[in-house]
């Protein structure tokens, strides 16, 4: 029987993300920024993640200087937590680092 886990991870990931707060200021602020074209939808950022990367633990939208940054914490199969930082306007991966 084929392994269904890789195909099931992405839908489970998206369901998990639906329950996560996107911005310290609240969902309304994130929605307003998205509608104004200031940031990409979170789903678009998450769509770039490799489903085998692991489980999303937390997503935050932070304001750093003159830009917004999505910070995505991921728990991989080895129990390691990684943080991926994406430019919220362009979707560019800015940084990927191991969390202690």
Protein backbone atom coordinates (compact mmCIF):
# COMPACT_ATOMS: atom_id res chain seq x y z
CA UNK A 1 0.00 0.00 0.00
CA UNK A 2 1.43 3.43 -0.91
CA UNK A 3 2.45 5.84 1.84
CA UNK A 4 -0.28 8.49 2.06
CA UNK A 5 1.44 10.65 4.67
CA UNK A 6 3.16 13.08 2.23
CA UNK A 7 -0.15 13.76 0.48
CA UNK A 8 -2.02 14.19 3.77
CA UNK A 9 0.43 16.63 5.34
CA UNK A 10 -0.42 19.66 3.22
CA UNK A 11 -4.19 19.57 3.90
CA UNK A 12 -3.47 19.02 7.59
CA UNK A 13 -1.01 21.90 7.47
CA UNK A 14 -3.57 24.22 5.91
CA UNK A 15 -6.19 23.26 8.48
CA UNK A 16 -3.70 23.97 11.25
CA UNK A 17 -2.89 27.37 9.77
CA UNK A 18 -6.53 28.38 9.67
CA UNK A 19 -6.52 28.40 13.47
CA UNK A 20 -3.29 30.38 13.89
CA UNK A 21 -3.18 34.12 14.54
CA UNK A 22 -1.39 35.91 11.71
CA UNK A 23 -0.46 39.20 13.35
CA UNK A 24 0.07 40.41 16.87
CA UNK A 25 -2.40 43.23 16.08
CA UNK A 26 -5.03 40.69 15.09
CA UNK A 27 -6.65 39.08 12.11
CA UNK A 28 -8.38 42.33 11.11
CA UNK A 29 -5.09 44.14 10.62
CA UNK A 30 -3.65 41.25 8.60
CA UNK A 31 -6.79 41.15 6.44
CA UNK A 32 -6.61 44.91 5.83
CA UNK A 33 -2.95 44.66 4.81
CA UNK A 34 -3.75 41.75 2.48
CA UNK A 35 -6.72 43.57 0.90
CA UNK A 36 -4.57 46.69 0.39
CA UNK A 37 -1.96 44.59 -1.42
CA UNK A 38 0.67 45.23 1.24
CA UNK A 39 1.16 41.52 2.01
CA UNK A 40 0.55 38.19 0.31
CA UNK A 41 -2.04 35.79 1.69
CA UNK A 42 -0.57 33.39 4.24
CA UNK A 43 -1.77 30.45 2.14
CA UNK A 44 0.46 31.62 -0.72
CA UNK A 45 3.51 31.70 1.56
CA UNK A 46 2.71 28.27 3.00
CA UNK A 47 2.16 26.90 -0.49
CA UNK A 48 5.91 27.30 -1.11
CA UNK A 49 6.82 25.01 1.81
CA UNK A 50 7.83 21.45 1.10
CA UNK A 51 5.12 19.28 2.70
CA UNK A 52 7.90 17.00 3.97
CA UNK A 53 9.42 19.92 5.92
CA UNK A 54 7.32 19.05 8.96
CA UNK A 55 4.46 20.44 11.00
CA UNK A 56 3.81 24.17 11.34
CA UNK A 57 3.88 25.14 15.00
CA UNK A 58 3.38 28.87 14.78
CA UNK A 59 2.98 31.65 12.24
CA UNK A 60 3.46 35.31 13.00
CA UNK A 61 3.34 38.41 10.87
CA UNK A 62 5.86 40.91 12.19
CA UNK A 63 6.69 44.46 11.16
CA UNK A 64 10.46 44.86 10.77
CA UNK A 65 11.60 48.34 9.74
CA UNK A 66 9.96 49.12 6.42
CA UNK A 67 8.55 45.65 5.72
CA UNK A 68 6.28 42.91 7.02
CA UNK A 69 7.75 39.46 7.57
CA UNK A 70 6.00 36.13 7.97
CA UNK A 71 7.80 34.02 10.57
CA UNK A 72 6.91 30.33 10.23
CA UNK A 73 8.10 27.85 12.86
CA UNK A 74 8.23 24.24 11.69
CA UNK A 75 8.81 21.04 13.67
CA UNK A 76 10.52 18.42 11.52
CA UNK A 77 10.47 14.63 11.87
CA UNK A 78 13.71 14.71 13.90
CA UNK A 79 12.14 16.94 16.55
CA UNK A 80 14.02 20.05 15.42
CA UNK A 81 12.32 23.43 15.19
CA UNK A 82 13.19 25.64 12.24
CA UNK A 83 12.12 29.21 11.63
CA UNK A 84 11.57 30.39 8.08
CA UNK A 85 11.24 34.14 7.49
CA UNK A 86 9.52 35.37 4.35
CA UNK A 87 9.06 38.87 3.00
CA UNK A 88 5.29 39.22 3.30
CA UNK A 89 4.99 41.39 0.18
CA UNK A 90 7.11 39.34 -2.25
CA UNK A 91 7.14 35.89 -0.67
CA UNK A 92 10.95 35.78 -0.84
CA UNK A 93 12.61 33.50 1.72
CA UNK A 94 14.78 35.86 3.77
CA UNK A 95 16.20 33.49 6.33
CA UNK A 96 15.99 29.91 7.54
CA UNK A 97 17.45 29.10 10.93
CA UNK A 98 17.46 26.33 13.51
CA UNK A 99 15.76 27.26 16.76
CA UNK A 100 17.46 26.26 20.03
